[in-house]
Protein backbone atom coordinates (compact mmCIF):
# COMPACT_ATOMS: atom_id res chain seq x y z
CA MET A 1 96.59 95.36 83.66
CA LYS A 2 93.55 93.17 84.32
CA LYS A 3 94.80 90.66 81.72
CA VAL A 4 98.13 90.37 83.56
CA ILE A 5 96.40 89.93 86.93
CA ARG A 6 94.07 87.27 85.51
CA ASP A 7 97.12 85.32 84.30
CA TYR A 8 98.80 85.41 87.75
CA PRO A 9 97.30 82.06 88.92
CA HIS A 10 98.76 80.49 85.74
CA HIS A 11 102.27 81.85 86.48
CA PHE A 12 101.86 84.30 83.57
CA ALA A 13 102.13 81.37 81.12
CA GLY A 14 99.79 83.04 78.64
CA LEU A 15 102.02 86.12 78.52
CA GLN A 16 105.42 84.43 78.61
CA GLY A 17 107.64 84.95 75.58
CA VAL A 18 111.17 83.86 74.75
CA VAL A 19 113.98 83.52 77.29
CA VAL A 20 115.92 86.78 77.54
CA GLU A 21 118.42 85.89 80.26
CA GLU A 22 119.26 82.84 82.38
CA ASN A 23 120.85 83.05 85.82
CA PRO A 24 121.51 80.31 88.40
CA GLN A 25 118.51 81.41 90.51
CA SER A 26 116.18 82.86 87.88
CA ILE A 27 115.15 83.01 84.23
CA ASN A 28 113.89 86.23 82.62
CA TYR A 29 111.35 86.02 79.81
CA ALA A 30 110.06 88.61 77.39
CA CYS A 31 106.41 89.46 77.94
CA LYS A 32 104.24 88.91 74.85
CA PHE A 33 101.64 91.38 76.11
CA GLU A 34 102.35 95.08 76.51
CA VAL A 35 100.42 97.02 79.14
CA SER A 36 99.21 100.37 77.87
CA GLY A 37 101.85 103.03 78.47
CA ALA A 38 104.65 100.64 79.44
CA GLU A 39 108.16 101.19 78.11
CA SER A 40 108.95 97.49 78.62
CA SER A 41 107.77 94.45 80.58
CA SER A 42 109.16 91.08 81.59
CA ILE A 43 108.40 87.90 83.51
CA THR A 44 110.86 86.27 85.89
CA ARG A 45 110.84 82.69 87.17
CA TYR A 46 112.72 82.18 90.43
CA SER A 47 113.83 78.64 91.21
CA SER A 48 113.67 77.09 94.64
CA LYS A 49 113.90 73.56 95.93
CA ASP A 50 110.15 73.24 96.43
CA ASN A 51 108.63 75.14 93.51
CA ASN A 52 108.95 77.93 90.99
CA VAL A 53 107.79 81.44 91.80
CA PHE A 54 106.94 83.91 89.05
CA SER A 55 106.81 87.68 88.95
CA TRP A 56 105.85 90.22 86.30
CA GLN A 57 107.08 93.78 86.00
CA ALA A 58 106.59 96.74 83.70
CA LEU A 59 108.71 99.86 83.44
CA MET A 60 106.12 102.59 83.08
CA LEU A 61 108.31 105.71 82.96
CA THR A 62 111.94 106.81 82.86
CA THR A 63 112.62 110.52 83.41
CA GLU A 64 115.14 112.90 84.92
CA ASP A 65 112.31 115.06 86.34
CA PHE A 66 111.10 114.02 89.81
CA GLU A 67 107.82 115.95 89.52
CA ILE A 68 106.90 114.12 86.29
CA ALA A 69 107.74 110.76 87.92
CA LYS A 70 105.73 111.66 91.03
CA LYS A 71 102.68 112.53 88.90
CA LYS A 72 102.96 109.26 86.96
CA PHE A 73 103.30 107.29 90.23
CA LYS A 74 100.12 108.91 91.60
CA ALA A 75 98.23 108.44 88.30
CA ILE A 76 99.05 104.72 88.25
CA TYR A 77 98.00 104.40 91.90
CA ASN A 78 94.71 106.18 91.16
CA ALA A 79 94.06 103.86 88.21
CA LEU A 80 94.81 100.66 90.14
CA ASN A 81 93.49 101.39 93.64
CA ASN A 82 89.95 99.95 93.94
CA LEU A 83 90.33 98.29 90.52
CA SER A 84 87.86 95.43 90.12
CA VAL A 85 89.23 92.31 88.48
CA LYS A 86 87.01 89.42 87.42
CA MET A 87 89.15 86.30 87.46
CA ASP A 88 88.85 83.53 84.84
CA TYR A 89 86.98 81.37 87.35
CA GLY A 90 84.26 84.01 87.81
CA ASP A 91 85.07 85.68 91.16
CA THR A 92 85.58 89.45 91.27
CA PHE A 93 88.11 91.07 93.60
CA TYR A 94 89.11 94.66 94.36
CA LEU A 95 92.71 95.89 94.70
CA THR A 96 93.36 98.27 97.59
CA GLY A 97 96.38 99.88 99.17
CA LYS A 98 97.36 102.96 101.16
CA TYR A 99 98.98 105.75 99.15
CA GLU A 100 102.36 107.11 100.22
CA SER A 101 103.46 110.38 98.66
CA PRO A 102 106.97 110.22 97.16
CA VAL A 103 109.66 112.48 98.60
CA GLU A 104 112.60 113.33 96.33
CA GLU A 105 115.21 112.99 99.10
CA LYS A 106 114.10 109.43 99.88
CA LYS A 107 115.06 108.13 96.40
CA PHE A 108 112.54 105.24 96.76
CA THR A 109 108.81 104.97 97.39
CA SER A 110 106.48 102.04 96.92
CA VAL A 111 102.82 101.26 97.45
CA VAL A 112 101.62 97.67 97.71
CA LEU A 113 98.07 96.79 96.67
CA THR A 114 96.37 93.55 97.65
CA PHE A 115 92.96 92.06 96.99
CA GLU A 116 90.26 92.63 99.59
CA LYS A 117 88.63 89.36 100.66
CA ALA A 118 91.03 87.33 98.51
CA ASP A 119 90.53 83.63 98.05
CA ARG A 120 93.28 81.00 98.46
CA ILE A 121 94.29 81.31 94.77
CA ILE A 122 95.20 85.01 94.88
CA GLN A 123 95.70 85.71 98.59
CA ARG A 124 99.51 85.90 98.24
CA MET A 125 99.47 88.12 95.14
CA LYS A 126 100.87 91.61 95.61
CA LEU A 127 100.81 94.46 93.11
CA GLU A 128 103.50 97.03 93.82
CA ILE A 129 103.94 100.46 92.31
CA SER A 130 107.45 101.79 92.83
CA LEU A 131 109.29 105.04 92.19
CA GLN A 132 113.06 104.75 92.39
CA TYR A 133 116.06 106.89 91.54
CA GLU A 134 118.58 104.87 89.52
CA MET A 135 121.63 106.14 87.69
CA LEU A 136 120.48 109.78 87.50
CA GLU A 137 116.93 108.86 86.40
CA TRP A 138 113.59 108.30 88.11
CA LYS A 139 111.88 105.03 87.19
CA VAL A 140 108.26 104.13 87.83
CA ARG A 141 107.46 100.42 87.79
CA VAL A 142 104.50 98.14 88.38
CA LEU A 143 105.28 94.67 89.73
CA ILE A 144 103.07 91.66 90.40
CA TYR A 145 104.53 88.95 92.61
CA GLU A 146 103.75 86.34 95.22
CA LYS A 147 104.61 86.84 98.87
CA ASP A 148 104.28 83.97 101.33
CA ARG A 149 104.39 86.03 104.52
CA GLU A 150 105.25 89.42 105.93
CA ASP A 151 108.90 90.14 106.68
CA ASP A 152 108.24 90.20 110.43
CA GLU A 153 106.22 86.99 110.37
CA GLN A 154 107.98 83.84 111.54
CA GLY A 155 108.38 81.05 109.01
CA GLU A 156 108.05 77.33 109.54
CA THR A 157 110.26 75.94 112.34
CA ILE A 158 111.85 72.54 111.82
CA GLU A 159 113.37 70.76 114.80
């Protein structure tokens, strides 16, 4: 996982494989690097008028058993919370986030980890662990993406 995080400032260019699917707003790429335990992983480039935004995701588990999915979700959180990552440029940062225990009736749970004392290069990076019920199966995923601002935060106003 550290290798993926270290490639975030480079838009995952070192991990990007062949184009898998093209859509009007995004392009999905195969990921050349497999994270330990992942069933699959991919990189997505989202187009916008100003720039391109990239995200990475790995499907870590698919199961019909909620309890197995819940245990995997917690194990991934335990492995990634307080993880130290030394970036290519020498600075070390620690991922932190507040754990939320999944509830089967909710059908969706996620925990977002961010870097403590992040610099301007990685301050918008988010690592999300999600547990979601899809088509009669529970799926546990890890996603790394960029987020400009919080949903309740006002964006730029142009008059």
